[in-house]
Amino acid sequence: MNEPGKIRAILEAARTIAVVGCSTNPYRASNSVSQYLIESGYEVIPVNPNCAEVLGRRCYPSLLDIPRDTTIDIVDVFRNSASVAALVEPSMARNARFFWMQEGVIDPESARRLEAAGLGVAMDLCIMKERARQIR
């Protein structure tokens, strides 16, 4: 978990990032980070049951509602720590490669379950800051 080499590798290899908790509010971190990821060349899929569209992209109510033929490289979580456990099974069901918990999102038990299932995990880190720091 939070291994710099693995984080850099997934950030370089990833193409598609499902952003759980993505907001339409431009002042929310989930919105500005998603915009940064789009500008950095990633395909961002917003996930929020309260939105139909975010940043000009269709928004899905849950990870399981994203079309099955869409590969999810990273699940990026902008939800509170108590919401993480409910995202473990859907992330595994979608064969995500990596599970990213943003700054302030901490759930060691879920991280253990995800790693045991073969997913890489970052916890309590900002994907935007890590990408800017590790990929120049």
Protein backbone atom coordinates (compact mmCIF):
# COMPACT_ATOMS: atom_id res chain seq x y z
CA MET A 1 0.00 0.00 0.00
CA ASN A 2 1.20 3.50 -0.92
CA GLU A 3 4.30 2.06 -2.56
CA PRO A 4 5.82 4.79 -4.77
CA GLY A 5 6.94 2.35 -7.47
CA LYS A 6 3.49 0.77 -7.79
CA ILE A 7 1.78 4.16 -7.70
CA ARG A 8 3.95 5.51 -10.47
CA ALA A 9 3.45 2.35 -12.54
CA ILE A 10 -0.33 2.48 -12.32
CA LEU A 11 -0.43 6.21 -13.06
CA GLU A 12 1.67 5.62 -16.17
CA ALA A 13 -0.28 2.54 -17.34
CA ALA A 14 -3.84 3.60 -16.48
CA ARG A 15 -6.19 4.91 -19.12
CA THR A 16 -9.58 4.87 -17.38
CA ILE A 17 -10.36 6.21 -13.91
CA ALA A 18 -13.78 5.88 -12.27
CA VAL A 19 -14.14 8.79 -9.85
CA VAL A 20 -16.58 7.81 -7.10
CA GLY A 21 -18.18 10.85 -5.49
CA CYS A 22 -17.43 13.13 -8.44
CA SER A 23 -19.24 16.44 -8.00
CA THR A 24 -20.63 19.03 -10.41
CA ASN A 25 -19.45 21.75 -7.99
CA PRO A 26 -16.21 23.23 -9.41
CA TYR A 27 -15.09 24.15 -5.88
CA ARG A 28 -15.10 20.51 -4.75
CA ALA A 29 -11.82 18.60 -4.95
CA SER A 30 -13.47 15.73 -6.81
CA ASN A 31 -14.39 18.10 -9.63
CA SER A 32 -11.06 19.89 -9.94
CA VAL A 33 -9.05 16.67 -9.63
CA SER A 34 -11.23 15.02 -12.28
CA GLN A 35 -10.67 18.00 -14.58
CA TYR A 36 -6.92 17.68 -14.02
CA LEU A 37 -7.05 13.95 -14.81
CA ILE A 38 -8.98 14.63 -18.03
CA GLU A 39 -6.45 17.28 -19.03
CA SER A 40 -3.68 14.77 -18.29
CA GLY A 41 -5.14 12.36 -20.84
CA TYR A 42 -7.13 9.94 -18.71
CA GLU A 43 -10.66 8.82 -19.54
CA VAL A 44 -12.59 9.86 -16.43
CA ILE A 45 -15.90 8.19 -15.60
CA PRO A 46 -17.85 10.12 -12.94
CA VAL A 47 -19.78 8.00 -10.42
CA ASN A 48 -22.46 9.76 -8.36
CA PRO A 49 -26.11 8.69 -8.00
CA ASN A 50 -27.19 12.35 -7.75
CA CYS A 51 -25.80 13.54 -11.10
CA ALA A 52 -26.58 12.75 -14.73
CA GLU A 53 -23.46 14.48 -16.09
CA VAL A 54 -20.22 15.87 -14.70
CA LEU A 55 -17.60 17.75 -16.73
CA GLY A 56 -19.48 16.95 -19.91
CA ARG A 57 -19.34 13.21 -19.24
CA ARG A 58 -22.13 10.81 -18.45
CA CYS A 59 -22.26 10.11 -14.72
CA TYR A 60 -23.19 6.64 -13.47
CA PRO A 61 -25.03 5.91 -10.21
CA SER A 62 -22.56 3.18 -9.19
CA LEU A 63 -19.51 1.28 -10.39
CA LEU A 64 -21.75 -1.62 -11.38
CA ASP A 65 -23.77 0.66 -13.69
CA ILE A 66 -20.73 1.48 -15.85
CA PRO A 67 -20.99 -0.60 -19.06
CA ARG A 68 -19.36 -4.00 -18.66
CA ASP A 69 -17.20 -3.53 -21.75
CA THR A 70 -15.50 -0.53 -20.11
CA THR A 71 -12.22 -1.40 -18.42
CA ILE A 72 -11.63 0.40 -15.13
CA ASP A 73 -7.97 0.80 -14.32
CA ILE A 74 -8.36 2.91 -11.16
CA VAL A 75 -11.29 3.45 -8.80
CA ASP A 76 -10.63 6.87 -7.24
CA VAL A 77 -12.70 7.44 -4.10
CA PHE A 78 -13.88 10.88 -2.97
CA ARG A 79 -16.24 9.59 -0.27
CA ASN A 80 -15.90 9.48 3.49
CA SER A 81 -13.97 6.62 5.03
CA ALA A 82 -17.14 4.89 6.25
CA SER A 83 -18.29 4.52 2.61
CA VAL A 84 -15.20 2.66 1.42
CA ALA A 85 -16.19 -0.85 2.53
CA ALA A 86 -19.27 -0.76 0.28
CA LEU A 87 -17.03 -0.10 -2.73
CA VAL A 88 -14.74 -3.12 -2.24
CA GLU A 89 -16.97 -5.79 -3.81
CA PRO A 90 -18.07 -3.64 -6.77
CA SER A 91 -14.43 -2.73 -7.48
CA MET A 92 -13.46 -6.39 -7.46
CA ALA A 93 -16.50 -7.32 -9.58
CA ARG A 94 -15.42 -4.74 -12.18
CA ASN A 95 -11.85 -6.14 -12.18
CA ALA A 96 -10.37 -2.77 -11.32
CA ARG A 97 -6.59 -2.85 -11.18
CA PHE A 98 -6.12 -0.22 -8.49
CA PHE A 99 -8.18 1.33 -5.68
CA TRP A 100 -7.29 4.89 -4.71
CA MET A 101 -8.52 6.52 -1.49
CA GLN A 102 -8.06 10.28 -1.66
CA GLU A 103 -6.54 12.41 1.14
CA GLY A 104 -8.47 11.90 4.37
CA VAL A 105 -10.05 8.64 3.17
CA ILE A 106 -8.71 5.84 5.36
CA ASP A 107 -9.93 2.25 5.68
CA PRO A 108 -7.13 -0.24 6.46
CA GLU A 109 -9.48 -3.24 6.58
CA SER A 110 -10.82 -2.53 3.09
CA ALA A 111 -7.27 -1.97 1.88
CA ARG A 112 -6.28 -5.42 3.20
CA ARG A 113 -9.28 -7.05 1.47
CA LEU A 114 -8.50 -5.32 -1.83
CA GLU A 115 -4.81 -6.23 -1.71
CA ALA A 116 -5.68 -9.84 -0.86
CA ALA A 117 -7.83 -9.87 -4.01
CA GLY A 118 -4.89 -8.60 -6.06
CA LEU A 119 -5.72 -4.90 -6.38
CA GLY A 120 -3.14 -2.25 -5.74
CA VAL A 121 -4.15 0.30 -3.10
CA ALA A 122 -3.31 3.89 -2.27
CA MET A 123 -4.77 5.35 0.90
CA ASP A 124 -4.91 8.92 2.18
CA LEU A 125 -3.17 10.29 -0.94
CA CYS A 126 -4.26 12.78 -3.59
CA ILE A 127 -4.01 11.26 -7.07
CA MET A 128 -3.42 14.71 -8.58
CA LYS A 129 -0.54 15.53 -6.24
CA GLU A 130 1.02 12.09 -6.71
CA ARG A 131 0.79 12.29 -10.48
CA ALA A 132 2.30 15.79 -10.51
CA ARG A 133 5.09 14.63 -8.19
CA GLN A 134 5.92 11.34 -9.87
CA ILE A 135 5.28 11.99 -13.57
CA ARG A 136 6.92 15.00 -15.16
